[in-house]
Amino acid sequence: MNRFYLLLTLSSLSISFSPLFSGEFEGIYTVGNRECRVTPIRMAFEVICKPSNKRKIFFYQGEDKEKRIFRTDDGDSSDFFVFDDLSFQSGVFIGNDGIRRKVKKRNSFRSDQF
């Protein structure tokens, strides 16, 4: 009888820890005319874009009308990634200057490209 409750508890735990998203905000993205690498770090996402190689940290902000939003923690001068859906394949980048750039995930790339 104890095994049954243990299995039931473990299966409940595995369900509650299921992924929040069906896709992942990770990999190489084309942002306007730049290539950017996104890497998850702890509870955030490191974004480095060529050619500047400047590092920015983005945090998951939430969702609005089924769009997923990530932003820097720079107050009024934050940058945003706004994705069309849970696949994180396309969306828009809104810079702190207000300029909007198309975002598209690259599904294939060579490791030496970045």
PDB file of N, CA and C in Angstrom:
ATOM      1  N   MET A   1       0.815  -1.190   0.000  1.00  0.00           N
ATOM      2  CA  MET A   1       0.000   0.000   0.000  1.00  0.00           C
ATOM      3  C   MET A   1       0.863   1.262   0.000  1.00  0.00           C
ATOM      4  N   ASN A   2       1.964   1.278   0.731  1.00  0.00           N
ATOM      5  CA  ASN A   2       2.837   2.450   0.788  1.00  0.00           C
ATOM      6  C   ASN A   2       3.452   2.760  -0.572  1.00  0.00           C
ATOM      7  N   ARG A   3       3.762   1.730  -1.343  1.00  0.00           N
ATOM      8  CA  ARG A   3       4.325   1.941  -2.684  1.00  0.00           C
ATOM      9  C   ARG A   3       3.349   2.695  -3.575  1.00  0.00           C
ATOM     10  N   PHE A   4       2.080   2.373  -3.461  1.00  0.00           N
ATOM     11  CA  PHE A   4       1.066   3.044  -4.272  1.00  0.00           C
ATOM     12  C   PHE A   4       1.068   4.546  -4.000  1.00  0.00           C
ATOM     13  N   TYR A   5       1.082   4.928  -2.723  1.00  0.00           N
ATOM     14  CA  TYR A   5       1.072   6.351  -2.370  1.00  0.00           C
ATOM     15  C   TYR A   5       2.361   7.042  -2.807  1.00  0.00           C
ATOM     16  N   LEU A   6       3.483   6.328  -2.710  1.00  0.00           N
ATOM     17  CA  LEU A   6       4.753   6.890  -3.153  1.00  0.00           C
ATOM     18  C   LEU A   6       4.726   7.151  -4.654  1.00  0.00           C
ATOM     19  N   LEU A   7       4.246   6.187  -5.431  1.00  0.00           N
ATOM     20  CA  LEU A   7       4.147   6.364  -6.880  1.00  0.00           C
ATOM     21  C   LEU A   7       3.174   7.477  -7.240  1.00  0.00           C
ATOM     22  N   LEU A   8       2.067   7.538  -6.543  1.00  0.00           N
ATOM     23  CA  LEU A   8       1.086   8.588  -6.789  1.00  0.00           C
ATOM     24  C   LEU A   8       1.687   9.961  -6.493  1.00  0.00           C
ATOM     25  N   THR A   9       2.418  10.065  -5.397  1.00  0.00           N
ATOM     26  CA  THR A   9       3.067  11.334  -5.034  1.00  0.00           C
ATOM     27  C   THR A   9       4.115  11.719  -6.065  1.00  0.00           C
ATOM     28  N   LEU A  10       4.954  10.772  -6.476  1.00  0.00           N
ATOM     29  CA  LEU A  10       5.985  11.058  -7.474  1.00  0.00           C
ATOM     30  C   LEU A  10       5.385  11.469  -8.805  1.00  0.00           C
ATOM     31  N   SER A  11       4.311  10.810  -9.222  1.00  0.00           N
ATOM     32  CA  SER A  11       3.687  11.184 -10.495  1.00  0.00           C
ATOM     33  C   SER A  11       3.061  12.570 -10.401  1.00  0.00           C
ATOM     34  N   SER A  12       2.526  12.929  -9.252  1.00  0.00           N
ATOM     35  CA  SER A  12       1.976  14.279  -9.066  1.00  0.00           C
ATOM     36  C   SER A  12       3.073  15.321  -9.134  1.00  0.00           C
ATOM     37  N   LEU A  13       4.230  15.022  -8.549  1.00  0.00           N
ATOM     38  CA  LEU A  13       5.353  15.955  -8.599  1.00  0.00           C
ATOM     39  C   LEU A  13       5.846  16.153 -10.018  1.00  0.00           C
ATOM     40  N   SER A  14       5.937  15.080 -10.785  1.00  0.00           N
ATOM     41  CA  SER A  14       6.433  15.215 -12.154  1.00  0.00           C
ATOM     42  C   SER A  14       5.471  16.016 -13.021  1.00  0.00           C
ATOM     43  N   ILE A  15       4.190  15.933 -12.749  1.00  0.00           N
ATOM     44  CA  ILE A  15       3.213  16.727 -13.501  1.00  0.00           C
ATOM     45  C   ILE A  15       3.347  18.197 -13.142  1.00  0.00           C
ATOM     46  N   SER A  16       3.556  18.505 -11.869  1.00  0.00           N
ATOM     47  CA  SER A  16       3.627  19.906 -11.461  1.00  0.00           C
ATOM     48  C   SER A  16       4.904  20.584 -11.930  1.00  0.00           C
ATOM     49  N   PHE A  17       5.928  19.818 -12.289  1.00  0.00           N
ATOM     50  CA  PHE A  17       7.165  20.401 -12.782  1.00  0.00           C
ATOM     51  C   PHE A  17       7.273  20.338 -14.293  1.00  0.00           C
ATOM     52  N   SER A  18       6.181  20.184 -14.985  1.00  0.00           N
ATOM     53  CA  SER A  18       6.219  20.144 -16.444  1.00  0.00           C
ATOM     54  C   SER A  18       6.621  21.512 -16.975  1.00  0.00           C
ATOM     55  N   PRO A  19       7.189  21.581 -18.178  1.00  0.00           N
ATOM     56  CA  PRO A  19       7.678  22.849 -18.707  1.00  0.00           C
ATOM     57  C   PRO A  19       6.571  23.886 -18.841  1.00  0.00           C
ATOM     58  N   LEU A  20       6.949  25.145 -18.660  1.00  0.00           N
ATOM     59  CA  LEU A  20       6.012  26.248 -18.782  1.00  0.00           C
ATOM     60  C   LEU A  20       5.689  26.526 -20.246  1.00  0.00           C
ATOM     61  N   PHE A  21       6.639  26.279 -21.139  1.00  0.00           N
ATOM     62  CA  PHE A  21       6.483  26.615 -22.547  1.00  0.00           C
ATOM     63  C   PHE A  21       6.686  25.380 -23.410  1.00  0.00           C
ATOM     64  N   SER A  22       6.103  25.379 -24.593  1.00  0.00           N
ATOM     65  CA  SER A  22       6.312  24.261 -25.503  1.00  0.00           C
ATOM     66  C   SER A  22       7.610  24.426 -26.280  1.00  0.00           C
ATOM     67  N   GLY A  23       8.067  25.640 -26.478  1.00  0.00           N
ATOM     68  CA  GLY A  23       9.341  25.911 -27.132  1.00  0.00           C
ATOM     69  C   GLY A  23      10.320  26.432 -26.100  1.00  0.00           C
ATOM     70  N   GLU A  24      11.458  26.893 -26.579  1.00  0.00           N
ATOM     71  CA  GLU A  24      12.451  27.430 -25.670  1.00  0.00           C
ATOM     72  C   GLU A  24      13.016  28.721 -26.229  1.00  0.00           C
ATOM     73  N   PHE A  25      13.241  29.690 -25.372  1.00  0.00           N
ATOM     74  CA  PHE A  25      13.916  30.932 -25.738  1.00  0.00           C
ATOM     75  C   PHE A  25      15.404  30.659 -25.587  1.00  0.00           C
ATOM     76  N   GLU A  26      15.974  30.063 -26.631  1.00  0.00           N
ATOM     77  CA  GLU A  26      17.370  29.636 -26.601  1.00  0.00           C
ATOM     78  C   GLU A  26      17.817  29.385 -28.028  1.00  0.00           C
ATOM     79  N   GLY A  27      19.071  29.681 -28.325  1.00  0.00           N
ATOM     80  CA  GLY A  27      19.614  29.416 -29.648  1.00  0.00           C
ATOM     81  C   GLY A  27      20.023  30.689 -30.361  1.00  0.00           C
ATOM     82  N   ILE A  28      20.063  30.604 -31.698  1.00  0.00           N
ATOM     83  CA  ILE A  28      20.473  31.736 -32.529  1.00  0.00           C
ATOM     84  C   ILE A  28      19.232  32.377 -33.136  1.00  0.00           C
ATOM     85  N   TYR A  29      19.135  33.687 -33.013  1.00  0.00           N
ATOM     86  CA  TYR A  29      18.013  34.455 -33.556  1.00  0.00           C
ATOM     87  C   TYR A  29      18.541  35.534 -34.488  1.00  0.00           C
ATOM     88  N   THR A  30      17.797  35.782 -35.562  1.00  0.00           N
ATOM     89  CA  THR A  30      18.040  36.948 -36.392  1.00  0.00           C
ATOM     90  C   THR A  30      17.152  38.050 -35.841  1.00  0.00           C
ATOM     91  N   VAL A  31      17.776  39.158 -35.432  1.00  0.00           N
ATOM     92  CA  VAL A  31      17.058  40.300 -34.861  1.00  0.00           C
ATOM     93  C   VAL A  31      17.357  41.494 -35.762  1.00  0.00           C
ATOM     94  N   GLY A  32      16.399  41.826 -36.627  1.00  0.00           N
ATOM     95  CA  GLY A  32      16.676  42.843 -37.644  1.00  0.00           C
ATOM     96  C   GLY A  32      17.738  42.304 -38.581  1.00  0.00           C
ATOM     97  N   ASN A  33      18.888  42.976 -38.654  1.00  0.00           N
ATOM     98  CA  ASN A  33      19.983  42.487 -39.505  1.00  0.00           C
ATOM     99  C   ASN A  33      21.148  41.949 -38.674  1.00  0.00           C
ATOM    100  N   ARG A  34      20.903  41.646 -37.413  1.00  0.00           N
ATOM    101  CA  ARG A  34      21.940  41.111 -36.527  1.00  0.00           C
ATOM    102  C   ARG A  34      21.653  39.665 -36.161  1.00  0.00           C
ATOM    103  N   GLU A  35      22.721  38.962 -35.816  1.00  0.00           N
ATOM    104  CA  GLU A  35      22.607  37.600 -35.308  1.00  0.00           C
ATOM    105  C   GLU A  35      22.847  37.648 -33.803  1.00  0.00           C
ATOM    106  N   CYS A  36      21.962  37.007 -33.045  1.00  0.00           N
ATOM    107  CA  CYS A  36      22.076  37.017 -31.585  1.00  0.00           C
ATOM    108  C   CYS A  36      22.007  35.594 -31.047  1.00  0.00           C
ATOM    109  N   ARG A  37      22.843  35.324 -30.057  1.00  0.00           N
ATOM    110  CA  ARG A  37      22.808  34.028 -29.367  1.00  0.00           C
ATOM    111  C   ARG A  37      22.122  34.220 -28.021  1.00  0.00           C
ATOM    112  N   VAL A  38      21.134  33.353 -27.745  1.00  0.00           N
ATOM    113  CA  VAL A  38      20.398  33.392 -26.477  1.00  0.00           C
ATOM    114  C   VAL A  38      20.752  32.141 -25.683  1.00  0.00           C
ATOM    115  N   THR A  39      21.196  32.348 -24.447  1.00  0.00           N
ATOM    116  CA  THR A  39      21.580  31.252 -23.572  1.00  0.00           C
ATOM    117  C   THR A  39      20.867  31.405 -22.230  1.00  0.00           C
ATOM    118  N   PRO A  40      20.140  30.368 -21.786  1.00  0.00           N
ATOM    119  CA  PRO A  40      19.523  30.443 -20.456  1.00  0.00           C
ATOM    120  C   PRO A  40      20.601  30.457 -19.371  1.00  0.00           C
ATOM    121  N   ILE A  41      20.459  31.349 -18.404  1.00  0.00           N
ATOM    122  CA  ILE A  41      21.359  31.383 -17.247  1.00  0.00           C
ATOM    123  C   ILE A  41      20.498  31.564 -16.000  1.00  0.00           C
ATOM    124  N   ARG A  42      20.550  30.633 -15.116  1.00  0.00           N
ATOM    125  CA  ARG A  42      19.756  30.651 -13.888  1.00  0.00           C
ATOM    126  C   ARG A  42      18.300  30.962 -14.196  1.00  0.00           C
ATOM    127  N   MET A  43      17.796  32.082 -13.724  1.00  0.00           N
ATOM    128  CA  MET A  43      16.393  32.443 -13.944  1.00  0.00           C
ATOM    129  C   MET A  43      16.258  33.528 -15.010  1.00  0.00           C
ATOM    130  N   ALA A  44      17.249  33.627 -15.900  1.00  0.00           N
ATOM    131  CA  ALA A  44      17.254  34.689 -16.902  1.00  0.00           C
ATOM    132  C   ALA A  44      17.825  34.155 -18.209  1.00  0.00           C
ATOM    133  N   PHE A  45      18.017  35.055 -19.173  1.00  0.00           N
ATOM    134  CA  PHE A  45      18.517  34.691 -20.492  1.00  0.00           C
ATOM    135  C   PHE A  45      19.571  35.702 -20.912  1.00  0.00           C
ATOM    136  N   GLU A  46      20.757  35.198 -21.243  1.00  0.00           N
ATOM    137  CA  GLU A  46      21.836  36.051 -21.715  1.00  0.00           C
ATOM    138  C   GLU A  46      21.719  36.174 -23.227  1.00  0.00           C
ATOM    139  N   VAL A  47      21.749  37.405 -23.732  1.00  0.00           N
ATOM    140  CA  VAL A  47      21.657  37.660 -25.167  1.00  0.00           C
ATOM    141  C   VAL A  47      22.907  38.422 -25.592  1.00  0.00           C
ATOM    142  N   ILE A  48      23.637  37.851 -26.557  1.00  0.00           N
ATOM    143  CA  ILE A  48      24.822  38.497 -27.116  1.00  0.00           C
ATOM    144  C   ILE A  48      24.618  38.593 -28.618  1.00  0.00           C
ATOM    145  N   CYS A  49      24.725  39.811 -29.160  1.00  0.00           N
ATOM    146  CA  CYS A  49      24.510  40.040 -30.590  1.00  0.00           C
ATOM    147  C   CYS A  49      25.810  40.461 -31.264  1.00  0.00           C
ATOM    148  N   LYS A  50      25.997  39.981 -32.484  1.00  0.00           N
ATOM    149  CA  LYS A  50      27.123  40.419 -33.307  1.00  0.00           C
ATOM    150  C   LYS A  50      26.741  41.717 -33.979  1.00  0.00           C
ATOM    151  N   PRO A  51      27.611  42.587 -34.312  1.00  0.00           N
ATOM    152  CA  PRO A  51      29.060  42.507 -34.136  1.00  0.00           C
ATOM    153  C   PRO A  51      29.543  43.077 -32.809  1.00  0.00           C
ATOM    154  N   SER A  52      28.678  43.689 -32.015  1.00  0.00           N
ATOM    155  CA  SER A  52      29.133  44.383 -30.802  1.00  0.00           C
ATOM    156  C   SER A  52      29.553  43.429 -29.686  1.00  0.00           C
ATOM    157  N   ASN A  53      28.952  42.232 -29.647  1.00  0.00           N
ATOM    158  CA  ASN A  53      29.187  41.248 -28.580  1.00  0.00           C
ATOM    159  C   ASN A  53      28.843  41.791 -27.198  1.00  0.00           C
ATOM    160  N   LYS A  54      27.973  42.793 -27.153  1.00  0.00           N
ATOM    161  CA  LYS A  54      27.518  43.344 -25.877  1.00  0.00           C
ATOM    162  C   LYS A  54      26.531  42.376 -25.237  1.00  0.00           C
ATOM    163  N   ARG A  55      26.699  42.125 -23.962  1.00  0.00           N
ATOM    164  CA  ARG A  55      25.878  41.159 -23.225  1.00  0.00           C
ATOM    165  C   ARG A  55      24.716  41.879 -22.552  1.00  0.00           C
ATOM    166  N   LYS A  56      23.499  41.344 -22.761  1.00  0.00           N
ATOM    167  CA  LYS A  56      22.317  41.860 -22.067  1.00  0.00           C
ATOM    168  C   LYS A  56      21.599  40.686 -21.423  1.00  0.00           C
ATOM    169  N   ILE A  57      21.007  40.950 -20.272  1.00  0.00           N
ATOM    170  CA  ILE A  57      20.273  39.922 -19.545  1.00  0.00           C
ATOM    171  C   ILE A  57      18.782  40.234 -19.633  1.00  0.00           C
ATOM    172  N   PHE A  58      18.013  39.235 -20.079  1.00  0.00           N
ATOM    173  CA  PHE A  58      16.560  39.372 -20.207  1.00  0.00           C
ATOM    174  C   PHE A  58      15.874  38.454 -19.202  1.00  0.00           C
ATOM    175  N   PHE A  59      14.727  38.906 -18.725  1.00  0.00           N
ATOM    176  CA  PHE A  59      13.919  38.144 -17.776  1.00  0.00           C
ATOM    177  C   PHE A  59      12.535  37.936 -18.366  1.00  0.00           C
ATOM    178  N   TYR A  60      11.929  36.796 -18.024  1.00  0.00           N
ATOM    179  CA  TYR A  60      10.555  36.546 -18.456  1.00  0.00           C
ATOM    180  C   TYR A  60       9.645  37.517 -17.724  1.00  0.00           C
ATOM    181  N   GLN A  61       8.880  38.312 -18.476  1.00  0.00           N
ATOM    182  CA  GLN A  61       7.977  39.283 -17.867  1.00  0.00           C
ATOM    183  C   GLN A  61       6.571  38.735 -17.730  1.00  0.00           C
ATOM    184  N   GLY A  62       6.132  37.948 -18.705  1.00  0.00           N
ATOM    185  CA  GLY A  62       4.779  37.413 -18.663  1.00  0.00           C
ATOM    186  C   GLY A  62       4.208  37.312 -20.055  1.00  0.00           C
ATOM    187  N   GLU A  63       2.887  37.339 -20.133  1.00  0.00           N
ATOM    188  CA  GLU A  63       2.239  37.223 -21.429  1.00  0.00           C
ATOM    189  C   GLU A  63       1.157  38.276 -21.569  1.00  0.00           C
ATOM    190  N   ASP A  64       0.881  38.603 -22.822  1.00  0.00           N
ATOM    191  CA  ASP A  64      -0.172  39.558 -23.148  1.00  0.00           C
ATOM    192  C   ASP A  64      -0.820  39.084 -24.438  1.00  0.00           C
ATOM    193  N   LYS A  65      -2.088  38.723 -24.371  1.00  0.00           N
ATOM    194  CA  LYS A  65      -2.819  38.228 -25.543  1.00  0.00           C
ATOM    195  C   LYS A  65      -2.064  37.078 -26.218  1.00  0.00           C
ATOM    196  N   GLU A  66      -1.625  36.110 -25.399  1.00  0.00           N
ATOM    197  CA  GLU A  66      -0.930  34.901 -25.839  1.00  0.00           C
ATOM    198  C   GLU A  66       0.451  35.164 -26.414  1.00  0.00           C
ATOM    199  N   LYS A  67       0.983  36.346 -26.280  1.00  0.00           N
ATOM    200  CA  LYS A  67       2.356  36.643 -26.687  1.00  0.00           C
ATOM    201  C   LYS A  67       3.231  36.582 -25.442  1.00  0.00           C
ATOM    202  N   ARG A  68       4.430  36.009 -25.573  1.00  0.00           N
ATOM    203  CA  ARG A  68       5.352  35.886 -24.452  1.00  0.00           C
ATOM    204  C   ARG A  68       6.348  37.042 -24.501  1.00  0.00           C
ATOM    205  N   ILE A  69       6.589  37.658 -23.349  1.00  0.00           N
ATOM    206  CA  ILE A  69       7.402  38.865 -23.291  1.00  0.00           C
ATOM    207  C   ILE A  69       8.605  38.652 -22.372  1.00  0.00           C
ATOM    208  N   PHE A  70       9.782  39.016 -22.877  1.00  0.00           N
ATOM    209  CA  PHE A  70      11.021  39.012 -22.107  1.00  0.00           C
ATOM    210  C   PHE A  70      11.569  40.430 -22.144  1.00  0.00           C
ATOM    211  N   ARG A  71      12.152  40.894 -21.036  1.00  0.00           N
ATOM    212  CA  ARG A  71      12.651  42.271 -21.008  1.00  0.00           C
ATOM    213  C   ARG A  71      13.897  42.385 -20.142  1.00  0.00           C
ATOM    214  N   THR A  72      14.676  43.427 -20.434  1.00  0.00           N
ATOM    215  CA  THR A  72      15.801  43.745 -19.569  1.00  0.00           C
ATOM    216  C   THR A  72      15.261  44.471 -18.348  1.00  0.00           C
ATOM    217  N   ASP A  73      16.049  44.521 -17.322  1.00  0.00           N
ATOM    218  CA  ASP A  73      15.615  45.157 -16.076  1.00  0.00           C
ATOM    219  C   ASP A  73      16.205  46.561 -15.975  1.00  0.00           C
ATOM    220  N   ASP A  74      15.888  47.399 -16.959  1.00  0.00           N
ATOM    221  CA  ASP A  74      16.458  48.743 -17.035  1.00  0.00           C
ATOM    222  C   ASP A  74      15.412  49.829 -16.839  1.00  0.00           C
ATOM    223  N   GLY A  75      14.341  49.530 -16.147  1.00  0.00           N
ATOM    224  CA  GLY A  75      13.300  50.523 -15.901  1.00  0.00           C
ATOM    225  C   GLY A  75      12.648  51.001 -17.183  1.00  0.00           C
ATOM    226  N   ASP A  76      12.572  52.314 -17.350  1.00  0.00           N
ATOM    227  CA  ASP A  76      11.922  52.887 -18.535  1.00  0.00           C
ATOM    228  C   ASP A  76      12.714  52.674 -19.818  1.00  0.00           C
ATOM    229  N   SER A  77      14.008  52.363 -19.710  1.00  0.00           N
ATOM    230  CA  SER A  77      14.812  52.179 -20.921  1.00  0.00           C
ATOM    231  C   SER A  77      15.072  50.700 -21.210  1.00  0.00           C
ATOM    232  N   SER A  78      14.101  49.845 -20.909  1.00  0.00           N
ATOM    233  CA  SER A  78      14.235  48.404 -21.130  1.00  0.00           C
ATOM    234  C   SER A  78      14.080  48.040 -22.598  1.00  0.00           C
ATOM    235  N   ASP A  79      14.716  46.930 -22.972  1.00  0.00           N
ATOM    236  CA  ASP A  79      14.526  46.303 -24.280  1.00  0.00           C
ATOM    237  C   ASP A  79      13.561  45.142 -24.085  1.00  0.00           C
ATOM    238  N   PHE A  80      12.809  44.794 -25.146  1.00  0.00           N
ATOM    239  CA  PHE A  80      11.810  43.730 -25.061  1.00  0.00           C
ATOM    240  C   PHE A  80      11.923  42.764 -26.232  1.00  0.00           C
ATOM    241  N   PHE A  81      11.732  41.474 -25.961  1.00  0.00           N
ATOM    242  CA  PHE A  81      11.430  40.476 -26.980  1.00  0.00           C
ATOM    243  C   PHE A  81       9.964  40.127 -26.780  1.00  0.00           C
ATOM    244  N   VAL A  82       9.162  40.210 -27.829  1.00  0.00           N
ATOM    245  CA  VAL A  82       7.747  39.839 -27.764  1.00  0.00           C
ATOM    246  C   VAL A  82       7.533  38.746 -28.807  1.00  0.00           C
ATOM    247  N   PHE A  83       7.256  37.523 -28.356  1.00  0.00           N
ATOM    248  CA  PHE A  83       7.109  36.388 -29.262  1.00  0.00           C
ATOM    249  C   PHE A  83       5.650  36.137 -29.598  1.00  0.00           C
ATOM    250  N   ASP A  84       5.423  35.685 -30.836  1.00  0.00           N
ATOM    251  CA  ASP A  84       4.073  35.468 -31.351  1.00  0.00           C
ATOM    252  C   ASP A  84       3.325  34.357 -30.630  1.00  0.00           C
ATOM    253  N   ASP A  85       4.048  33.316 -30.181  1.00  0.00           N
ATOM    254  CA  ASP A  85       3.390  32.170 -29.549  1.00  0.00           C
ATOM    255  C   ASP A  85       4.387  31.397 -28.702  1.00  0.00           C
ATOM    256  N   LEU A  86       3.970  30.228 -28.244  1.00  0.00           N
ATOM    257  CA  LEU A  86       4.792  29.408 -27.355  1.00  0.00           C
ATOM    258  C   LEU A  86       5.986  28.741 -28.019  1.00  0.00           C
ATOM    259  N   SER A  87       6.084  28.804 -29.329  1.00  0.00           N
ATOM    260  CA  SER A  87       7.201  28.146 -30.002  1.00  0.00           C
ATOM    261  C   SER A  87       8.464  29.002 -30.006  1.00  0.00           C
ATOM    262  N   PHE A  88       8.341  30.295 -29.739  1.00  0.00           N
ATOM    263  CA  PHE A  88       9.467  31.237 -29.722  1.00  0.00           C
ATOM    264  C   PHE A  88      10.222  31.256 -31.046  1.00  0.00           C
ATOM    265  N   GLN A  89       9.519  31.043 -32.141  1.00  0.00           N
ATOM    266  CA  GLN A  89      10.131  31.032 -33.465  1.00  0.00           C
ATOM    267  C   GLN A  89      10.159  32.408 -34.110  1.00  0.00           C
ATOM    268  N   SER A  90       9.205  33.269 -33.781  1.00  0.00           N
ATOM    269  CA  SER A  90       9.153  34.589 -34.412  1.00  0.00           C
ATOM    270  C   SER A  90       8.490  35.592 -33.483  1.00  0.00           C
ATOM    271  N   GLY A  91       8.784  36.838 -33.749  1.00  0.00           N
ATOM    272  CA  GLY A  91       8.209  37.904 -32.944  1.00  0.00           C
ATOM    273  C   GLY A  91       8.833  39.228 -33.314  1.00  0.00           C
ATOM    274  N   VAL A  92       8.946  40.089 -32.315  1.00  0.00           N
ATOM    275  CA  VAL A  92       9.502  41.418 -32.540  1.00  0.00           C
ATOM    276  C   VAL A  92      10.396  41.785 -31.353  1.00  0.00           C
ATOM    277  N   PHE A  93      11.464  42.503 -31.660  1.00  0.00           N
ATOM    278  CA  PHE A  93      12.332  43.070 -30.636  1.00  0.00           C
ATOM    279  C   PHE A  93      12.053  44.562 -30.599  1.00  0.00           C
ATOM    280  N   ILE A  94      11.795  45.094 -29.417  1.00  0.00           N
ATOM    281  CA  ILE A  94      11.554  46.526 -29.261  1.00  0.00           C
ATOM    282  C   ILE A  94      12.688  47.080 -28.404  1.00  0.00           C
ATOM    283  N   GLY A  95      13.552  47.870 -29.037  1.00  0.00           N
ATOM    284  CA  GLY A  95      14.691  48.443 -28.327  1.00  0.00           C
ATOM    285  C   GLY A  95      14.273  49.596 -27.437  1.00  0.00           C
ATOM    286  N   ASN A  96      15.172  50.001 -26.555  1.00  0.00           N
ATOM    287  CA  ASN A  96      14.857  51.115 -25.660  1.00  0.00           C
ATOM    288  C   ASN A  96      14.714  52.433 -26.419  1.00  0.00           C
ATOM    289  N   ASP A  97      15.121  52.435 -27.688  1.00  0.00           N
ATOM    290  CA  ASP A  97      14.938  53.604 -28.549  1.00  0.00           C
ATOM    291  C   ASP A  97      13.579  53.593 -29.245  1.00  0.00           C
ATOM    292  N   GLY A  98      12.791  52.529 -29.005  1.00  0.00           N
ATOM    293  CA  GLY A  98      11.461  52.417 -29.604  1.00  0.00           C
ATOM    294  C   GLY A  98      11.441  51.769 -30.974  1.00  0.00           C
ATOM    295  N   ILE A  99      12.612  51.506 -31.547  1.00  0.00           N
ATOM    296  CA  ILE A  99      12.677  50.876 -32.873  1.00  0.00           C
ATOM    297  C   ILE A  99      12.321  49.404 -32.748  1.00  0.00           C
ATOM    298  N   ARG A 100      11.462  48.954 -33.661  1.00  0.00           N
ATOM    299  CA  ARG A 100      11.002  47.561 -33.689  1.00  0.00           C
ATOM    300  C   ARG A 100      11.756  46.809 -34.776  1.00  0.00           C
ATOM    301  N   ARG A 101      12.218  45.606 -34.433  1.00  0.00           N
ATOM    302  CA  ARG A 101      12.937  44.757 -35.384  1.00  0.00           C
ATOM    303  C   ARG A 101      12.309  43.370 -35.370  1.00  0.00           C
ATOM    304  N   LYS A 102      12.189  42.775 -36.549  1.00  0.00           N
ATOM    305  CA  LYS A 102      11.649  41.416 -36.631  1.00  0.00           C
ATOM    306  C   LYS A 102      12.624  40.434 -35.998  1.00  0.00           C
ATOM    307  N   VAL A 103      12.056  39.407 -35.372  1.00  0.00           N
ATOM    308  CA  VAL A 103      12.840  38.352 -34.730  1.00  0.00           C
ATOM    309  C   VAL A 103      12.453  37.023 -35.352  1.00  0.00           C
ATOM    310  N   LYS A 104      13.449  36.234 -35.724  1.00  0.00           N
ATOM    311  CA  LYS A 104      13.206  34.909 -36.304  1.00  0.00           C
ATOM    312  C   LYS A 104      14.268  33.963 -35.771  1.00  0.00           C
ATOM    313  N   LYS A 105      13.839  32.824 -35.246  1.00  0.00           N
ATOM    314  CA  LYS A 105      14.783  31.832 -34.743  1.00  0.00           C
ATOM    315  C   LYS A 105      15.391  31.077 -35.907  1.00  0.00           C
ATOM    316  N   ARG A 106      16.692  30.901 -35.853  1.00  0.00           N
ATOM    317  CA  ARG A 106      17.382  30.097 -36.866  1.00  0.00           C
ATOM    318  C   ARG A 106      17.409  28.666 -36.363  1.00  0.00           C
ATOM    319  N   ASN A 107      16.842  27.771 -37.156  1.00  0.00           N
ATOM    320  CA  ASN A 107      16.750  26.377 -36.724  1.00  0.00           C
ATOM    321  C   ASN A 107      18.013  25.586 -36.997  1.00  0.00           C
ATOM    322  N   SER A 108      18.875  26.113 -37.856  1.00  0.00           N
ATOM    323  CA  SER A 108      20.138  25.426 -38.108  1.00  0.00           C
ATOM    324  C   SER A 108      21.251  26.457 -38.213  1.00  0.00           C
ATOM    325  N   PHE A 109      22.388  26.109 -37.657  1.00  0.00           N
ATOM    326  CA  PHE A 109      23.557  26.976 -37.722  1.00  0.00           C
ATOM    327  C   PHE A 109      24.781  26.140 -37.395  1.00  0.00           C
ATOM    328  N   ARG A 110      25.927  26.605 -37.865  1.00  0.00           N
ATOM    329  CA  ARG A 110      27.187  25.931 -37.550  1.00  0.00           C
ATOM    330  C   ARG A 110      27.703  26.483 -36.224  1.00  0.00           C
ATOM    331  N   SER A 111      28.354  25.646 -35.461  1.00  0.00           N
ATOM    332  CA  SER A 111      28.842  26.074 -34.147  1.00  0.00           C
ATOM    333  C   SER A 111      29.889  27.174 -34.252  1.00  0.00           C
ATOM    334  N   ASP A 112      30.569  27.282 -35.398  1.00  0.00           N
ATOM    335  CA  ASP A 112      31.591  28.321 -35.554  1.00  0.00           C
ATOM    336  C   ASP A 112      31.011  29.635 -36.069  1.00  0.00           C
ATOM    337  N   GLN A 113      29.696  29.705 -36.263  1.00  0.00           N
ATOM    338  CA  GLN A 113      29.075  30.922 -36.769  1.00  0.00           C
ATOM    339  C   GLN A 113      28.939  31.982 -35.695  1.00  0.00           C
ATOM    340  N   PHE A 114      29.096  31.625 -34.458  1.00  0.00           N
ATOM    341  CA  PHE A 114      28.895  32.621 -33.408  1.00  0.00           C
ATOM    342  C   PHE A 114      29.974  32.528 -32.372  1.00  0.00           C
TER     343      PHE A 114
END
